[in-house]
Amino acid sequence: MFRNRTELGLFLAFVVLVTAAVILPWVKQ
């Protein structure tokens, strides 16, 4: 699925950012 570690790292960073963007506002309420 991933050709190299860089693509995997970028994918994981994207997932973390999206997850944080979804969870943080909900937690702060």
PDB file of N, CA and C in Angstrom:
ATOM      1  N   MET A   1       0.841  -1.201   0.000  1.00  0.00           N
ATOM      2  CA  MET A   1       0.000   0.000   0.000  1.00  0.00           C
ATOM      3  C   MET A   1       0.880   1.256   0.000  1.00  0.00           C
ATOM      4  N   PHE A   2       1.925   1.233   0.833  1.00  0.00           N
ATOM      5  CA  PHE A   2       2.841   2.378   0.881  1.00  0.00           C
ATOM      6  C   PHE A   2       4.164   1.993   0.232  1.00  0.00           C
ATOM      7  N   ARG A   3       4.667   2.872  -0.615  1.00  0.00           N
ATOM      8  CA  ARG A   3       5.905   2.562  -1.320  1.00  0.00           C
ATOM      9  C   ARG A   3       7.132   2.791  -0.442  1.00  0.00           C
ATOM     10  N   ASN A   4       7.006   3.672   0.538  1.00  0.00           N
ATOM     11  CA  ASN A   4       8.166   3.947   1.375  1.00  0.00           C
ATOM     12  C   ASN A   4       7.722   4.521   2.719  1.00  0.00           C
ATOM     13  N   ARG A   5       8.667   4.719   3.624  1.00  0.00           N
ATOM     14  CA  ARG A   5       8.336   5.215   4.962  1.00  0.00           C
ATOM     15  C   ARG A   5       7.806   6.642   4.924  1.00  0.00           C
ATOM     16  N   THR A   6       8.256   7.423   3.943  1.00  0.00           N
ATOM     17  CA  THR A   6       7.797   8.814   3.881  1.00  0.00           C
ATOM     18  C   THR A   6       6.292   8.875   3.649  1.00  0.00           C
ATOM     19  N   GLU A   7       5.796   8.068   2.720  1.00  0.00           N
ATOM     20  CA  GLU A   7       4.352   8.068   2.461  1.00  0.00           C
ATOM     21  C   GLU A   7       3.596   7.592   3.693  1.00  0.00           C
ATOM     22  N   LEU A   8       4.126   6.579   4.368  1.00  0.00           N
ATOM     23  CA  LEU A   8       3.460   6.081   5.568  1.00  0.00           C
ATOM     24  C   LEU A   8       3.439   7.164   6.638  1.00  0.00           C
ATOM     25  N   GLY A   9       4.548   7.874   6.802  1.00  0.00           N
ATOM     26  CA  GLY A   9       4.615   8.943   7.804  1.00  0.00           C
ATOM     27  C   GLY A   9       3.627  10.059   7.498  1.00  0.00           C
ATOM     28  N   LEU A  10       3.548  10.452   6.221  1.00  0.00           N
ATOM     29  CA  LEU A  10       2.615  11.513   5.850  1.00  0.00           C
ATOM     30  C   LEU A  10       1.175  11.064   6.082  1.00  0.00           C
ATOM     31  N   PHE A  11       0.877   9.812   5.772  1.00  0.00           N
ATOM     32  CA  PHE A  11      -0.474   9.293   5.975  1.00  0.00           C
ATOM     33  C   PHE A  11      -0.837   9.287   7.455  1.00  0.00           C
ATOM     34  N   LEU A  12       0.093   8.821   8.298  1.00  0.00           N
ATOM     35  CA  LEU A  12      -0.174   8.786   9.736  1.00  0.00           C
ATOM     36  C   LEU A  12      -0.346  10.203  10.285  1.00  0.00           C
ATOM     37  N   ALA A  13       0.485  11.148   9.823  1.00  0.00           N
ATOM     38  CA  ALA A  13       0.365  12.531  10.290  1.00  0.00           C
ATOM     39  C   ALA A  13      -0.997  13.104   9.895  1.00  0.00           C
ATOM     40  N   PHE A  14      -1.454  12.801   8.684  1.00  0.00           N
ATOM     41  CA  PHE A  14      -2.751  13.282   8.223  1.00  0.00           C
ATOM     42  C   PHE A  14      -3.875  12.714   9.087  1.00  0.00           C
ATOM     43  N   VAL A  15      -3.792  11.424   9.391  1.00  0.00           N
ATOM     44  CA  VAL A  15      -4.822  10.788  10.216  1.00  0.00           C
ATOM     45  C   VAL A  15      -4.851  11.425  11.601  1.00  0.00           C
ATOM     46  N   VAL A  16      -3.666  11.668  12.177  1.00  0.00           N
ATOM     47  CA  VAL A  16      -3.609  12.268  13.518  1.00  0.00           C
ATOM     48  C   VAL A  16      -4.205  13.673  13.503  1.00  0.00           C
ATOM     49  N   LEU A  17      -3.872  14.466  12.493  1.00  0.00           N
ATOM     50  CA  LEU A  17      -4.394  15.835  12.425  1.00  0.00           C
ATOM     51  C   LEU A  17      -5.913  15.836  12.276  1.00  0.00           C
ATOM     52  N   VAL A  18      -6.433  14.977  11.416  1.00  0.00           N
ATOM     53  CA  VAL A  18      -7.887  14.924  11.220  1.00  0.00           C
ATOM     54  C   VAL A  18      -8.576  14.458  12.498  1.00  0.00           C
ATOM     55  N   THR A  19      -8.009  13.436  13.136  1.00  0.00           N
ATOM     56  CA  THR A  19      -8.600  12.932  14.376  1.00  0.00           C
ATOM     57  C   THR A  19      -8.614  14.014  15.445  1.00  0.00           C
ATOM     58  N   ALA A  20      -7.502  14.738  15.593  1.00  0.00           N
ATOM     59  CA  ALA A  20      -7.434  15.810  16.592  1.00  0.00           C
ATOM     60  C   ALA A  20      -8.449  16.903  16.270  1.00  0.00           C
ATOM     61  N   ALA A  21      -8.578  17.258  14.999  1.00  0.00           N
ATOM     62  CA  ALA A  21      -9.514  18.311  14.604  1.00  0.00           C
ATOM     63  C   ALA A  21     -10.954  17.914  14.924  1.00  0.00           C
ATOM     64  N   VAL A  22     -11.245  16.617  14.867  1.00  0.00           N
ATOM     65  CA  VAL A  22     -12.605  16.143  15.148  1.00  0.00           C
ATOM     66  C   VAL A  22     -12.842  16.012  16.651  1.00  0.00           C
ATOM     67  N   ILE A  23     -11.843  15.507  17.383  1.00  0.00           N
ATOM     68  CA  ILE A  23     -12.026  15.203  18.805  1.00  0.00           C
ATOM     69  C   ILE A  23     -11.904  16.436  19.700  1.00  0.00           C
ATOM     70  N   LEU A  24     -10.923  17.297  19.451  1.00  0.00           N
ATOM     71  CA  LEU A  24     -10.675  18.420  20.365  1.00  0.00           C
ATOM     72  C   LEU A  24     -11.891  19.314  20.592  1.00  0.00           C
ATOM     73  N   PRO A  25     -12.580  19.777  19.553  1.00  0.00           N
ATOM     74  CA  PRO A  25     -13.756  20.625  19.796  1.00  0.00           C
ATOM     75  C   PRO A  25     -14.829  19.905  20.610  1.00  0.00           C
ATOM     76  N   TRP A  26     -14.968  18.598  20.415  1.00  0.00           N
ATOM     77  CA  TRP A  26     -15.978  17.831  21.144  1.00  0.00           C
ATOM     78  C   TRP A  26     -15.596  17.707  22.617  1.00  0.00           C
ATOM     79  N   VAL A  27     -14.300  17.536  22.880  1.00  0.00           N
ATOM     80  CA  VAL A  27     -13.838  17.392  24.263  1.00  0.00           C
ATOM     81  C   VAL A  27     -13.959  18.711  25.019  1.00  0.00           C
ATOM     82  N   LYS A  28     -13.755  19.823  24.331  1.00  0.00           N
ATOM     83  CA  LYS A  28     -13.769  21.136  24.993  1.00  0.00           C
ATOM     84  C   LYS A  28     -15.179  21.594  25.351  1.00  0.00           C
ATOM     85  N   GLN A  29     -16.195  20.999  24.777  1.00  0.00           N
ATOM     86  CA  GLN A  29     -17.562  21.439  25.059  1.00  0.00           C
ATOM     87  C   GLN A  29     -17.952  21.221  26.509  1.00  0.00           C
TER      88      GLN A  29
END
